[in-house]
């Protein structure tokens, strides 16, 4: 019986890690699509990032309902619903390529919004399940870091592939991204079938005797959870905004040596590649180093890198080892990029371990409130759409580098949370 349970847990862990990758596969399509939207529809940086905003604002709408759904139908059925909705969201975005110029932008935003529902549901499933299957504590954080590593693989590839598909930014259209959309819908279809056939254990699927509203209010009594939920809002904005604005910055014709869209996508993809490296290191060290130490160190280093990026001259360049595309030939080698870009790419190391660390710190000691808390977390993931949109607006008004003060402020908050806000000062509240 014990051996059978271990096998069941192993299959569940593998499936949750695969779903982690699907979250990234779809979510990271939205930011590089900003280049397509800017050029096809002639809109501002702010409007170009509305697809990304629509994807993440869906979390604010679906966060609490996702917790209700998880409680009522369990992990497997919630995941299957999420996958089906994700297929629909990508399908609507695909249809926007066939719509007239006057309707295509709105249809694409609707598709991004629907896809956001799917990502919210998947996040609601994978995080508490991986944390539980890992035994919570440092081991739970370690398992989330492993899932995050696969998430980073997909995040690395997405802007690179989209950049290659776009080619000339000045001629970019939604139809250029069709091959990526075919692949995304294919992945959803295959994983749906596998999930349908595989038995997934339900570690927290039992019905609670208390209504969800009471569980939510109970979770909100914990100060460290509230501050952690705000931390997730800030973190996702930092994670998405840093490479998203960087991609737009690198192709802007007003900088000294703008890059072509493909190469800029590879540079932005390097940010996600460094997140992968950081998550692998975090996964290896997660069982020995506390989440508090990880988060405080990463936030502090990130602050230094942002300041270096803001105050460095865009005329100064540095060679960065990246995949590059020159005259249609793609190769790996050193590429001269603005030194600001190099500092921003390095922030990927810092953001790599933040999600697992914040989640682990925020839900510590919540007990029966964990499922409700996960739904609240999903609401606050909308920061990944709101903060980058704010950055885009600032970039329109004051310039790309000035927009990174938003990232600086976010990292200041995360450092505060790691050092002070994450302490559980409500241990007297019963959680059984």
Protein backbone atom coordinates (compact mmCIF):
# COMPACT_ATOMS: atom_id res chain seq x y z
CA UNK A 1 0.00 0.00 0.00
CA UNK A 2 2.82 2.39 0.90
CA UNK A 3 4.66 1.58 -2.34
CA UNK A 4 1.49 2.16 -4.37
CA UNK A 5 0.95 5.51 -2.66
CA UNK A 6 4.53 6.54 -3.42
CA UNK A 7 4.04 5.67 -7.10
CA UNK A 8 0.81 7.66 -7.13
CA UNK A 9 2.57 10.63 -5.59
CA UNK A 10 5.40 10.36 -8.14
CA UNK A 11 2.92 10.47 -11.04
CA UNK A 12 1.12 13.41 -9.41
CA UNK A 13 4.40 15.30 -8.99
CA UNK A 14 5.36 14.72 -12.64
CA UNK A 15 1.95 15.90 -13.87
CA UNK A 16 2.06 19.02 -11.69
CA UNK A 17 5.53 19.86 -13.00
CA UNK A 18 4.26 19.47 -16.59
CA UNK A 19 1.39 21.81 -15.79
CA UNK A 20 3.90 24.28 -14.36
CA UNK A 21 5.48 24.34 -17.82
CA UNK A 22 2.14 24.88 -19.53
CA UNK A 23 1.49 27.92 -17.35
CA UNK A 24 4.69 29.48 -18.63
CA UNK A 25 4.09 28.34 -22.22
CA UNK A 26 0.89 30.40 -22.48
CA UNK A 27 1.61 33.24 -20.05
CA UNK A 28 4.90 34.23 -21.65
CA UNK A 29 3.31 34.53 -25.08
CA UNK A 30 1.58 37.74 -23.99
CA UNK A 31 4.62 39.98 -23.38
CA UNK A 32 6.46 39.48 -26.72
CA UNK A 33 3.06 39.76 -28.45
CA UNK A 34 3.27 43.41 -27.38
CA UNK A 35 5.70 43.94 -30.28
CA UNK A 36 3.15 42.46 -32.70
CA UNK A 37 0.30 44.58 -31.34
CA UNK A 38 2.38 47.77 -31.39
CA UNK A 39 3.27 47.33 -35.04
CA UNK A 40 0.11 45.79 -36.47
CA UNK A 41 -2.21 48.27 -34.78
CA UNK A 42 0.15 51.25 -34.30
CA UNK A 43 -0.50 51.50 -30.54
CA UNK A 44 1.60 52.72 -27.58
CA UNK A 45 3.71 50.61 -25.23
CA UNK A 46 0.86 50.74 -22.71
CA UNK A 47 -1.70 49.43 -25.22
CA UNK A 48 0.75 46.84 -26.54
CA UNK A 49 0.93 45.35 -23.06
CA UNK A 50 -2.86 45.13 -22.67
CA UNK A 51 -2.79 41.51 -23.83
CA UNK A 52 -0.44 40.73 -20.96
CA UNK A 53 -2.70 42.76 -18.63
CA UNK A 54 -5.82 40.88 -19.80
CA UNK A 55 -4.09 37.55 -19.16
CA UNK A 56 -3.20 38.48 -15.59
CA UNK A 57 -6.30 40.48 -14.67
CA UNK A 58 -8.22 37.25 -15.24
CA UNK A 59 -6.56 36.08 -12.03
CA UNK A 60 -8.34 38.84 -10.09
CA UNK A 61 -11.67 37.59 -11.44
CA UNK A 62 -11.01 33.85 -11.15
CA UNK A 63 -8.82 33.66 -8.04
CA UNK A 64 -11.52 33.02 -5.44
CA UNK A 65 -13.78 30.94 -7.74
CA UNK A 66 -10.77 28.75 -8.50
CA UNK A 67 -10.48 28.00 -4.79
CA UNK A 68 -14.18 27.12 -4.65
CA UNK A 69 -13.83 24.86 -7.69
CA UNK A 70 -10.78 23.14 -6.22
CA UNK A 71 -12.62 22.48 -2.97
CA UNK A 72 -15.70 21.08 -4.71
CA UNK A 73 -14.29 18.96 -7.55
CA UNK A 74 -10.69 18.26 -6.48
CA UNK A 75 -7.30 18.66 -8.13
CA UNK A 76 -7.69 16.43 -11.18
CA UNK A 77 -11.04 17.79 -12.37
CA UNK A 78 -9.90 21.36 -11.74
CA UNK A 79 -6.80 20.71 -13.84
CA UNK A 80 -8.88 19.18 -16.67
CA UNK A 81 -11.23 22.17 -16.69
CA UNK A 82 -8.23 24.51 -16.72
CA UNK A 83 -6.66 22.71 -19.69
CA UNK A 84 -9.92 22.85 -21.67
CA UNK A 85 -10.31 26.56 -20.97
CA UNK A 86 -6.68 27.12 -21.98
CA UNK A 87 -7.31 25.41 -25.33
CA UNK A 88 -10.30 27.71 -25.85
CA UNK A 89 -8.29 30.83 -24.94
CA UNK A 90 -5.53 30.06 -27.42
CA UNK A 91 -8.19 29.21 -30.01
CA UNK A 92 -9.80 32.64 -29.67
CA UNK A 93 -6.40 34.32 -30.00
CA UNK A 94 -5.89 32.25 -33.15
CA UNK A 95 -9.21 33.46 -34.57
CA UNK A 96 -8.09 37.08 -34.08
CA UNK A 97 -5.62 36.51 -36.90
CA UNK A 98 -8.55 36.02 -39.30
CA UNK A 99 -10.62 38.96 -38.02
CA UNK A 100 -10.74 42.36 -39.68
CA UNK A 101 -8.36 45.10 -38.54
CA UNK A 102 -11.12 46.80 -36.57
CA UNK A 103 -12.01 43.70 -34.54
CA UNK A 104 -8.76 41.72 -34.32
CA UNK A 105 -7.29 43.65 -31.38
CA UNK A 106 -10.41 43.16 -29.23
CA UNK A 107 -10.71 39.47 -30.12
CA UNK A 108 -7.06 38.90 -29.23
CA UNK A 109 -7.57 40.59 -25.84
CA UNK A 110 -10.63 38.39 -25.21
CA UNK A 111 -8.54 35.30 -25.97
CA UNK A 112 -5.78 36.47 -23.64
CA UNK A 113 -8.39 37.03 -20.91
CA UNK A 114 -9.83 33.51 -21.36
CA UNK A 115 -6.33 32.01 -21.32
CA UNK A 116 -5.74 33.87 -18.06
CA UNK A 117 -8.66 31.96 -16.50
CA UNK A 118 -6.88 28.73 -17.39
CA UNK A 119 -3.54 29.84 -15.97
CA UNK A 120 -5.21 30.91 -12.72
CA UNK A 121 -6.87 27.52 -12.33
CA UNK A 122 -3.62 25.67 -13.07
CA UNK A 123 -1.70 27.79 -10.56
CA UNK A 124 -4.36 27.06 -7.94
CA UNK A 125 -3.75 23.35 -8.48
CA UNK A 126 0.01 23.01 -8.84
CA UNK A 127 1.33 25.18 -6.01
CA UNK A 128 -0.53 23.74 -2.98
CA UNK A 129 -0.27 20.21 -4.40
CA UNK A 130 3.49 20.37 -4.92
CA UNK A 131 3.91 22.01 -1.52
CA UNK A 132 1.82 19.25 0.11
CA UNK A 133 3.41 16.36 -1.80
CA UNK A 134 6.80 17.69 -0.76
CA UNK A 135 5.78 17.67 2.90
CA UNK A 136 5.57 21.50 3.25
CA UNK A 137 8.45 23.41 4.87
CA UNK A 138 11.81 23.47 3.07
CA UNK A 139 11.04 20.24 1.17
CA UNK A 140 7.79 21.71 -0.13
CA UNK A 141 9.67 24.79 -1.27
CA UNK A 142 12.26 22.54 -2.93
CA UNK A 143 9.61 20.75 -4.97
CA UNK A 144 8.05 24.04 -6.05
CA UNK A 145 11.53 25.16 -7.18
CA UNK A 146 11.83 22.01 -9.32
CA UNK A 147 8.45 22.76 -10.91
CA UNK A 148 9.59 26.33 -11.39
CA UNK A 149 12.69 25.06 -13.21
CA UNK A 150 10.56 23.42 -15.90
CA UNK A 151 8.45 26.56 -15.95
CA UNK A 152 11.63 28.50 -16.74
CA UNK A 153 12.53 26.18 -19.63
CA UNK A 154 9.28 27.11 -21.33
CA UNK A 155 9.71 30.77 -20.39
CA UNK A 156 13.16 30.77 -21.99
CA UNK A 157 11.95 29.27 -25.25
CA UNK A 158 8.78 31.34 -25.68
CA UNK A 159 10.23 34.82 -26.44
CA UNK A 160 12.93 33.22 -28.58
CA UNK A 161 10.41 31.31 -30.70
CA UNK A 162 8.07 34.29 -30.97
CA UNK A 163 11.00 36.51 -32.00
CA UNK A 164 11.96 34.06 -34.74
CA UNK A 165 8.36 33.87 -35.98
CA UNK A 166 7.95 37.64 -36.07
CA UNK A 167 11.10 38.38 -38.07
CA UNK A 168 10.81 42.02 -39.13
CA UNK A 169 9.07 43.88 -36.28
CA UNK A 170 7.81 46.59 -38.63
CA UNK A 171 5.78 43.97 -40.54
CA UNK A 172 4.69 41.86 -37.54
CA UNK A 173 1.15 40.46 -37.55
CA UNK A 174 -0.79 38.04 -35.36
CA UNK A 175 -0.77 35.48 -38.17
CA UNK A 176 3.03 35.25 -37.79
CA UNK A 177 2.46 33.57 -34.41
CA UNK A 178 0.11 30.86 -35.74
CA UNK A 179 2.71 28.03 -35.54
CA UNK A 180 3.22 28.78 -31.83
CA UNK A 181 -0.54 28.74 -31.28
CA UNK A 182 -0.86 25.39 -33.08
CA UNK A 183 1.80 23.97 -30.77
CA UNK A 184 0.11 25.40 -27.66
CA UNK A 185 -3.28 23.90 -28.56
CA UNK A 186 -1.61 20.58 -29.37
CA UNK A 187 0.10 20.49 -25.96
CA UNK A 188 -3.20 21.26 -24.22
CA UNK A 189 -4.95 18.47 -26.10
CA UNK A 190 -2.26 15.86 -25.35
CA UNK A 191 -1.96 16.71 -21.65
CA UNK A 192 -5.76 16.70 -21.29
CA UNK A 193 -5.86 13.08 -22.51
CA UNK A 194 -2.96 12.05 -20.25
CA UNK A 195 -4.53 13.77 -17.22
CA UNK A 196 -7.85 12.07 -17.97
CA UNK A 197 -6.24 8.62 -17.97
CA UNK A 198 -3.83 9.03 -15.04
CA UNK A 199 -4.98 8.63 -11.45
CA UNK A 200 -4.07 11.69 -9.37
CA UNK A 201 -4.21 11.52 -5.56
CA UNK A 202 -6.18 14.26 -3.84
CA UNK A 203 -4.20 15.25 -0.72
CA UNK A 204 -6.48 18.15 0.16
CA UNK A 205 -9.65 17.31 -1.75
CA UNK A 206 -11.80 16.48 1.25
CA UNK A 207 -14.77 18.76 1.86
CA UNK A 208 -14.29 21.19 4.71
CA UNK A 209 -17.05 21.42 7.30
CA UNK A 210 -16.65 25.21 7.20
CA UNK A 211 -17.89 27.43 4.33
CA UNK A 212 -15.24 28.92 2.04
CA UNK A 213 -16.12 32.45 3.13
CA UNK A 214 -15.22 31.58 6.70
CA UNK A 215 -11.98 29.93 5.57
CA UNK A 216 -11.06 33.04 3.55
CA UNK A 217 -11.72 35.33 6.51
CA UNK A 218 -9.70 32.94 8.66
CA UNK A 219 -6.72 33.10 6.30
CA UNK A 220 -6.93 36.90 6.29
CA UNK A 221 -6.42 36.95 10.06
CA UNK A 222 -2.77 36.01 9.50
CA UNK A 223 -0.65 39.13 8.98
CA UNK A 224 2.20 37.25 7.32
CA UNK A 225 -0.23 35.76 4.81
CA UNK A 226 -1.75 39.13 3.86
CA UNK A 227 1.70 40.66 3.37
CA UNK A 228 2.76 37.56 1.43
CA UNK A 229 -0.25 37.84 -0.88
CA UNK A 230 0.75 41.45 -1.57
CA UNK A 231 4.26 40.12 -2.11
CA UNK A 232 2.96 37.78 -4.83
CA UNK A 233 1.24 40.76 -6.52
CA UNK A 234 4.52 42.65 -6.49
CA UNK A 235 6.72 39.69 -7.40
CA UNK A 236 4.77 38.63 -10.50
CA UNK A 237 4.83 42.25 -11.69
CA UNK A 238 8.60 42.33 -11.22
CA UNK A 239 9.11 38.96 -12.90
CA UNK A 240 7.02 39.80 -15.97
CA UNK A 241 7.81 43.50 -16.27
CA UNK A 242 11.60 43.19 -16.20
CA UNK A 243 12.00 41.15 -19.43
CA UNK A 244 8.79 42.44 -21.03
CA UNK A 245 9.87 46.08 -21.08
CA UNK A 246 13.43 44.99 -21.90
CA UNK A 247 12.19 43.35 -25.10
CA UNK A 248 10.46 46.58 -26.17
CA UNK A 249 13.52 48.64 -25.19
CA UNK A 250 15.94 46.59 -27.28
CA UNK A 251 13.95 46.96 -30.54
CA UNK A 252 13.22 50.66 -30.10
CA UNK A 253 14.73 52.58 -33.03
CA UNK A 254 15.56 55.51 -30.74
CA UNK A 255 18.28 53.68 -28.78
CA UNK A 256 21.87 53.85 -30.15
CA UNK A 257 22.02 50.30 -31.59
CA UNK A 258 18.57 48.67 -31.70
CA UNK A 259 18.39 44.90 -32.17
CA UNK A 260 16.22 42.99 -34.60
CA UNK A 261 13.14 41.34 -33.12
CA UNK A 262 14.56 37.82 -33.18
CA UNK A 263 17.78 38.77 -31.42
CA UNK A 264 15.92 40.91 -28.87
CA UNK A 265 13.72 37.89 -28.14
CA UNK A 266 16.84 35.79 -27.54
CA UNK A 267 18.25 38.41 -25.15
CA UNK A 268 14.96 38.55 -23.24
CA UNK A 269 14.91 34.75 -23.29
CA UNK A 270 18.31 34.78 -21.58
CA UNK A 271 16.59 36.41 -18.58
CA UNK A 272 14.31 33.36 -18.34
CA UNK A 273 17.28 31.05 -18.91
CA UNK A 274 19.00 32.58 -15.88
CA UNK A 275 15.76 32.04 -13.96
CA UNK A 276 16.04 28.37 -14.89
CA UNK A 277 19.63 28.22 -13.62
CA UNK A 278 18.61 30.00 -10.42
CA UNK A 279 15.68 27.65 -9.85
CA UNK A 280 17.86 24.59 -10.35
CA UNK A 281 20.25 25.98 -7.74
CA UNK A 282 17.27 26.79 -5.53
CA UNK A 283 15.90 23.28 -5.95
CA UNK A 284 19.26 21.80 -4.95
CA UNK A 285 19.70 24.10 -1.96
CA UNK A 286 16.04 24.49 -0.99
CA UNK A 287 16.19 21.75 1.61
CA UNK A 288 19.10 23.42 3.42
CA UNK A 289 18.57 27.17 3.01
CA UNK A 290 15.49 28.86 4.47
CA UNK A 291 12.97 30.65 2.27
CA UNK A 292 13.61 33.82 4.28
CA UNK A 293 17.33 33.76 3.51
CA UNK A 294 16.67 33.05 -0.18
CA UNK A 295 14.16 35.87 -0.59
CA UNK A 296 16.13 38.51 1.31
CA UNK A 297 19.37 37.77 -0.57
CA UNK A 298 17.67 37.73 -3.99
CA UNK A 299 15.79 40.98 -3.30
CA UNK A 300 18.91 42.79 -2.12
CA UNK A 301 20.97 41.77 -5.15
CA UNK A 302 18.07 42.65 -7.44
CA UNK A 303 17.93 46.18 -6.03
CA UNK A 304 21.60 46.72 -6.85
CA UNK A 305 21.15 45.44 -10.41
CA UNK A 306 18.13 47.69 -11.08
CA UNK A 307 20.02 50.76 -9.88
CA UNK A 308 22.97 49.86 -12.11
CA UNK A 309 20.61 49.49 -15.10
CA UNK A 310 18.85 52.80 -14.48
CA UNK A 311 22.00 54.89 -14.01
CA UNK A 312 24.18 53.28 -16.70
CA UNK A 313 24.48 54.93 -20.11
CA UNK A 314 22.63 53.30 -23.01
CA UNK A 315 25.64 54.18 -25.19
CA UNK A 316 27.86 51.82 -23.18
CA UNK A 317 27.77 48.24 -24.42
CA UNK A 318 28.91 44.89 -23.12
CA UNK A 319 29.25 41.50 -24.78
CA UNK A 320 26.62 39.00 -23.66
CA UNK A 321 26.72 35.27 -24.55
CA UNK A 322 23.33 34.68 -26.19
CA UNK A 323 21.61 33.09 -29.15
CA UNK A 324 21.51 35.71 -31.90
CA UNK A 325 20.06 36.08 -35.37
CA UNK A 326 22.06 38.12 -37.89
CA UNK A 327 21.04 38.23 -41.56
CA UNK A 328 18.75 35.27 -41.02
CA UNK A 329 21.49 33.07 -39.51
CA UNK A 330 20.92 31.96 -35.92
CA UNK A 331 23.96 31.07 -33.82
CA UNK A 332 25.27 31.14 -30.28
CA UNK A 333 27.96 33.67 -29.47
CA UNK A 334 28.79 37.01 -27.94
CA UNK A 335 26.56 39.96 -28.78
CA UNK A 336 27.08 43.63 -27.96
CA UNK A 337 24.04 44.91 -26.04
CA UNK A 338 23.48 48.04 -23.93
CA UNK A 339 25.00 47.51 -20.50
CA UNK A 340 21.57 48.36 -19.03
CA UNK A 341 20.20 45.23 -20.72
CA UNK A 342 22.94 43.06 -19.23
CA UNK A 343 22.09 44.22 -15.70
CA UNK A 344 18.37 43.60 -16.31
CA UNK A 345 19.00 40.12 -17.70
CA UNK A 346 20.92 39.22 -14.54
CA UNK A 347 17.83 39.98 -12.45
CA UNK A 348 16.57 36.62 -13.70
CA UNK A 349 18.87 34.98 -11.15
CA UNK A 350 17.14 36.96 -8.41
CA UNK A 351 13.52 36.41 -9.41
CA UNK A 352 14.10 32.70 -9.96
CA UNK A 353 13.52 31.57 -6.38
CA UNK A 354 11.05 34.24 -5.25
CA UNK A 355 7.71 32.57 -6.05
CA UNK A 356 8.40 29.42 -4.06
CA UNK A 357 9.95 31.38 -1.20
CA UNK A 358 7.06 33.83 -0.89
CA UNK A 359 4.42 31.09 -1.16
CA UNK A 360 6.21 28.93 1.37
CA UNK A 361 6.58 31.78 3.88
CA UNK A 362 3.04 33.06 3.42
CA UNK A 363 1.20 29.73 3.94
CA UNK A 364 3.37 28.50 6.82
CA UNK A 365 1.13 27.60 9.73
CA UNK A 366 -2.19 28.12 7.88
CA UNK A 367 -3.39 24.51 8.21
CA UNK A 368 -7.02 24.16 7.09
CA UNK A 369 -6.92 27.62 5.52
CA UNK A 370 -4.41 26.56 2.83
CA UNK A 371 -6.90 25.97 -0.01
CA UNK A 372 -8.71 29.27 0.59
CA UNK A 373 -5.35 31.03 0.90
CA UNK A 374 -4.29 29.64 -2.48
CA UNK A 375 -7.36 31.20 -4.10
CA UNK A 376 -6.51 34.57 -2.58
CA UNK A 377 -2.97 34.19 -3.88
CA UNK A 378 -4.32 33.69 -7.38
CA UNK A 379 -6.28 36.95 -7.18
CA UNK A 380 -3.09 38.86 -6.44
CA UNK A 381 -1.22 37.32 -9.38
CA UNK A 382 -2.96 40.04 -11.41
CA UNK A 383 0.06 42.16 -10.48
CA UNK A 384 1.75 40.51 -13.48
CA UNK A 385 -0.60 42.50 -15.71
CA UNK A 386 -1.03 45.71 -13.74
CA UNK A 387 2.59 46.56 -12.89
CA UNK A 388 3.98 45.92 -16.43
CA UNK A 389 1.13 48.07 -17.85
CA UNK A 390 2.14 50.80 -15.39
CA UNK A 391 5.72 50.35 -16.56
CA UNK A 392 4.59 50.65 -20.18
CA UNK A 393 2.79 53.91 -19.42
CA UNK A 394 5.86 55.32 -17.65
CA UNK A 395 8.01 54.19 -20.60
CA UNK A 396 5.72 56.16 -22.94
CA UNK A 397 5.99 59.26 -20.75
CA UNK A 398 9.52 59.20 -19.29
CA UNK A 399 11.46 56.48 -21.13
CA UNK A 400 12.15 52.77 -20.75
CA UNK A 401 14.84 52.98 -18.07
CA UNK A 402 12.78 55.35 -15.90
CA UNK A 403 10.02 52.72 -15.87
CA UNK A 404 12.31 50.42 -13.88
CA UNK A 405 11.70 52.49 -10.75
CA UNK A 406 8.52 50.40 -10.56
CA UNK A 407 10.71 47.29 -10.35
CA UNK A 408 12.94 48.95 -7.76
CA UNK A 409 9.97 49.77 -5.52
CA UNK A 410 8.70 46.20 -5.85
CA UNK A 411 12.04 44.73 -4.77
CA UNK A 412 12.16 47.07 -1.76
CA UNK A 413 8.83 45.63 -0.63
CA UNK A 414 9.98 42.05 -1.13
CA UNK A 415 13.09 42.71 0.93
CA UNK A 416 10.87 44.11 3.70
CA UNK A 417 8.65 41.03 3.54
CA UNK A 418 11.59 38.65 3.77
CA UNK A 419 13.16 40.40 6.76
CA UNK A 420 10.10 41.54 8.72
CA UNK A 421 6.70 40.88 7.16
CA UNK A 422 7.02 37.10 6.83
CA UNK A 423 7.10 36.45 10.58
CA UNK A 424 3.97 34.63 11.80
CA UNK A 425 2.71 36.78 14.67
CA UNK A 426 -0.66 34.98 14.83
CA UNK A 427 0.35 31.54 16.06
CA UNK A 428 -2.47 31.59 18.62
CA UNK A 429 -5.12 31.16 15.90
CA UNK A 430 -6.34 27.49 15.72
CA UNK A 431 -5.80 25.93 12.27
CA UNK A 432 -6.94 22.31 12.80
